[in-house]
Every structure is written in C-alpha cells, then in structure tokens.
C-alpha cells in the first residue's frame, strides 16, 4: 500500500520532501563554507610567503651593513650615506613585515572561524541525512515513532547548521 493510499501517512511524505530540500540547502551551505575556507587558506599562505620574501630582502641589507665596516672604501662619507640608506630600507621592511604579519594572523583567525562554520553545516547535514532515512522508515513500517524520531533528528540538524551562521 502506497503513502497516497493511506491518508495518515501524507504528513510523513511531506516531511520527507521538506527534509530533502533542507538537506540539499544545508549541503550546499557546507560546500560553500569549505570553499571559503580553502580560499582564505590560500590567501593566508600567500601573505606568509610575502612576509618571508620581505625577510629575505632584509637579509641582503643586513649583509651589506655587516660588510661596510670591513670594506676599504675610497669615500667614507658616501659609505655613511649608504649605511643610512640600508638602515632606512631595513626599518621600512620591518614595518611592512609587521603589517603583513598582522594581516596573515587575521586571515588565519578567519580561516579557523570558516572551518568551524563548515563543520557545523556538515554536522547538520549528517543529522538531516539520518532524519531522511528514519522518516522514510515510517512509510515502510507505518509506525509513527520513526516519524517523531526523524523529526527530532531533522530539527537538531537544522539547529546545528543554523549555528554555522553565528560563527562567521
């Protein structure tokens, strides 16, 4: 006997449809959250690479500052200017590195929040998948207990997924 032959199972059939739509929606939210996490992770890595490239540039200026006192220069005045220029470059790089480091750390924090949101959407997705299966069992067994259990799983899944919006 099909669900349409038993009017008491009509709410169960509608529940299956609603849970399937919610499952698709939350699954999509989870995929997008994971994509945002990967994008932020790539951005974070790029910032740290930029930070390290500044450190490499700074090293060459440090080496020149170390070399200047040992070199026999014909014009000590221009050597002093050169030393001043190198020190200014080092100070500039240090300031840039500090800004880059702060940006990279902020991106790391954002990435962690995005990962947590994605985890919430994934857990909500799992609960809704379980709800879909359990509610479907009601159609086979015609026992309303499964419908109530499935509704509980579905409600928990929606609530967990909703907390994903609070994190980001």
Protein backbone atom coordinates (compact mmCIF):
# COMPACT_ATOMS: atom_id res chain seq x y z
CA UNK A 1 0.00 0.00 0.00
CA UNK A 2 1.50 3.38 -1.02
CA UNK A 3 1.55 6.53 1.08
CA UNK A 4 -1.15 8.13 -1.06
CA UNK A 5 -3.43 5.16 -0.27
CA UNK A 6 -3.11 5.85 3.46
CA UNK A 7 -4.04 9.47 4.28
CA UNK A 8 -2.43 9.18 7.72
CA UNK A 9 0.97 8.89 6.01
CA UNK A 10 0.56 12.09 3.98
CA UNK A 11 2.30 14.24 6.63
CA UNK A 12 5.18 11.77 6.61
CA UNK A 13 5.51 12.04 2.82
CA UNK A 14 5.51 15.83 3.04
CA UNK A 15 8.12 15.63 5.82
CA UNK A 16 10.37 13.53 3.57
CA UNK A 17 10.14 16.21 0.88
CA UNK A 18 10.84 19.07 3.29
CA UNK A 19 13.78 17.25 4.87
CA UNK A 20 15.20 16.50 1.41
CA UNK A 21 15.04 20.20 0.48
CA UNK A 22 16.63 21.23 3.79
CA UNK A 23 19.32 18.60 3.28
CA UNK A 24 20.14 19.98 -0.16
CA UNK A 25 20.27 23.54 1.17
CA UNK A 26 22.50 22.74 4.13
CA UNK A 27 24.73 20.56 1.98
CA UNK A 28 25.19 23.49 -0.39
CA UNK A 29 25.99 25.80 2.54
CA UNK A 30 28.60 23.31 3.73
CA UNK A 31 30.24 23.13 0.31
CA UNK A 32 30.39 26.90 0.07
CA UNK A 33 31.81 27.18 3.58
CA UNK A 34 34.56 24.72 2.67
CA UNK A 35 35.30 26.70 -0.50
CA UNK A 36 35.59 29.91 1.53
CA UNK A 37 37.92 28.14 3.93
CA UNK A 38 40.19 26.99 1.10
CA UNK A 39 40.23 30.46 -0.44
CA UNK A 40 41.14 32.03 2.89
CA UNK A 41 43.80 29.37 3.46
CA UNK A 42 45.38 30.20 0.10
CA UNK A 43 45.25 33.91 0.92
CA UNK A 44 46.89 33.23 4.29
CA UNK A 45 49.68 31.21 2.71
CA UNK A 46 50.28 33.97 0.16
CA UNK A 47 50.61 36.53 2.98
CA UNK A 48 53.13 34.38 4.85
CA UNK A 49 55.14 33.87 1.65
CA UNK A 50 55.11 37.64 1.13
CA UNK A 51 56.26 38.06 4.75
CA UNK A 52 59.14 35.65 4.16
CA UNK A 53 60.14 37.35 0.91
CA UNK A 54 60.46 40.60 2.84
CA UNK A 55 62.68 38.80 5.36
CA UNK A 56 64.88 37.57 2.52
CA UNK A 57 65.25 41.10 1.18
CA UNK A 58 66.07 42.37 4.65
CA UNK A 59 68.84 39.79 4.95
CA UNK A 60 70.68 41.23 1.96
CA UNK A 61 70.59 44.72 3.51
CA UNK A 62 71.81 43.29 6.82
CA UNK A 63 74.69 41.60 4.99
CA UNK A 64 75.66 44.86 3.32
CA UNK A 65 75.60 46.67 6.68
CA UNK A 66 77.86 43.97 8.10
CA UNK A 67 80.19 44.25 5.10
CA UNK A 68 80.56 48.06 5.03
CA UNK A 69 82.82 48.40 8.11
CA UNK A 70 85.25 45.81 6.74
CA UNK A 71 85.44 47.23 3.22
CA UNK A 72 88.16 49.65 2.25
CA UNK A 73 86.17 52.47 0.76
CA UNK A 74 87.63 55.46 -1.04
CA UNK A 75 84.87 57.79 0.16
CA UNK A 76 83.85 57.27 3.83
CA UNK A 77 81.15 59.97 3.53
CA UNK A 78 79.27 58.09 0.82
CA UNK A 79 79.72 54.91 2.85
CA UNK A 80 77.95 56.64 5.74
CA UNK A 81 75.10 57.67 3.42
CA UNK A 82 74.92 54.14 2.09
CA UNK A 83 74.78 52.77 5.62
CA UNK A 84 71.95 55.21 6.40
CA UNK A 85 70.07 54.18 3.25
CA UNK A 86 70.40 50.49 4.11
CA UNK A 87 69.20 51.11 7.65
CA UNK A 88 66.17 53.02 6.33
CA UNK A 89 65.39 50.12 4.00
CA UNK A 90 65.65 47.69 6.90
CA UNK A 91 63.33 49.84 9.03
CA UNK A 92 60.86 50.08 6.14
CA UNK A 93 60.92 46.31 5.61
CA UNK A 94 60.42 45.72 9.35
CA UNK A 95 57.33 47.96 9.31
CA UNK A 96 55.98 46.23 6.20
CA UNK A 97 56.61 42.81 7.73
CA UNK A 98 54.70 43.79 10.84
CA UNK A 99 51.65 44.82 8.77
CA UNK A 100 51.87 41.69 6.62
CA UNK A 101 52.19 39.50 9.73
CA UNK A 102 49.10 41.08 11.31
CA UNK A 103 47.13 40.56 8.10
CA UNK A 104 48.24 36.91 7.87
CA UNK A 105 47.29 36.28 11.51
CA UNK A 106 43.86 37.86 10.94
CA UNK A 107 43.40 35.61 7.92
CA UNK A 108 44.37 32.56 10.00
CA UNK A 109 41.74 33.51 12.57
CA UNK A 110 39.13 33.97 9.83
CA UNK A 111 40.08 30.61 8.33
CA UNK A 112 39.54 28.89 11.68
CA UNK A 113 36.09 30.50 12.03
CA UNK A 114 35.19 29.44 8.49
CA UNK A 115 36.33 25.87 9.21
CA UNK A 116 34.17 25.80 12.33
CA UNK A 117 31.17 27.06 10.35
CA UNK A 118 31.77 24.40 7.68
CA UNK A 119 31.93 21.74 10.40
CA UNK A 120 28.56 22.90 11.74
CA UNK A 121 26.99 22.72 8.30
CA UNK A 122 28.47 19.23 7.82
CA UNK A 123 27.13 18.01 11.15
CA UNK A 124 23.71 19.48 10.37
CA UNK A 125 23.88 17.72 7.00
CA UNK A 126 24.56 14.36 8.68
CA UNK A 127 21.63 14.82 11.07
CA UNK A 128 19.32 15.67 8.17
CA UNK A 129 20.52 12.62 6.23
CA UNK A 130 19.70 10.47 9.25
CA UNK A 131 16.33 12.20 9.56
CA UNK A 132 15.53 11.47 5.93
CA UNK A 133 16.28 7.78 6.37
CA UNK A 134 14.41 7.48 9.67
CA UNK A 135 11.32 9.33 8.38
CA UNK A 136 11.35 7.11 5.29
CA UNK A 137 11.23 4.06 7.55
CA UNK A 138 7.86 5.37 8.75
CA UNK A 139 6.50 4.92 5.23
CA UNK A 140 7.62 1.29 5.24
CA UNK A 141 6.61 0.33 8.77
CA UNK A 142 3.70 2.75 9.27
CA UNK A 143 4.91 3.34 12.82
CA UNK A 144 4.71 6.99 13.78
CA UNK A 145 7.51 6.64 16.33
CA UNK A 146 10.03 6.71 13.46
CA UNK A 147 8.45 9.89 12.13
CA UNK A 148 8.89 11.59 15.51
CA UNK A 149 12.47 10.38 15.83
CA UNK A 150 13.18 11.60 12.28
CA UNK A 151 11.62 14.98 13.10
CA UNK A 152 13.85 15.23 16.15
CA UNK A 153 16.97 14.44 14.11
CA UNK A 154 15.89 16.92 11.44
CA UNK A 155 15.27 19.66 13.99
CA UNK A 156 18.64 19.08 15.63
CA UNK A 157 20.28 19.14 12.19
CA UNK A 158 18.69 22.46 11.28
CA UNK A 159 19.63 23.97 14.64
CA UNK A 160 23.24 22.81 14.38
CA UNK A 161 23.51 24.12 10.81
CA UNK A 162 21.98 27.45 11.89
CA UNK A 163 24.82 27.89 14.39
CA UNK A 164 27.18 27.92 11.41
CA UNK A 165 25.85 31.38 10.57
CA UNK A 166 26.69 32.61 14.07
CA UNK A 167 30.37 31.68 13.78
CA UNK A 168 31.36 33.54 10.62
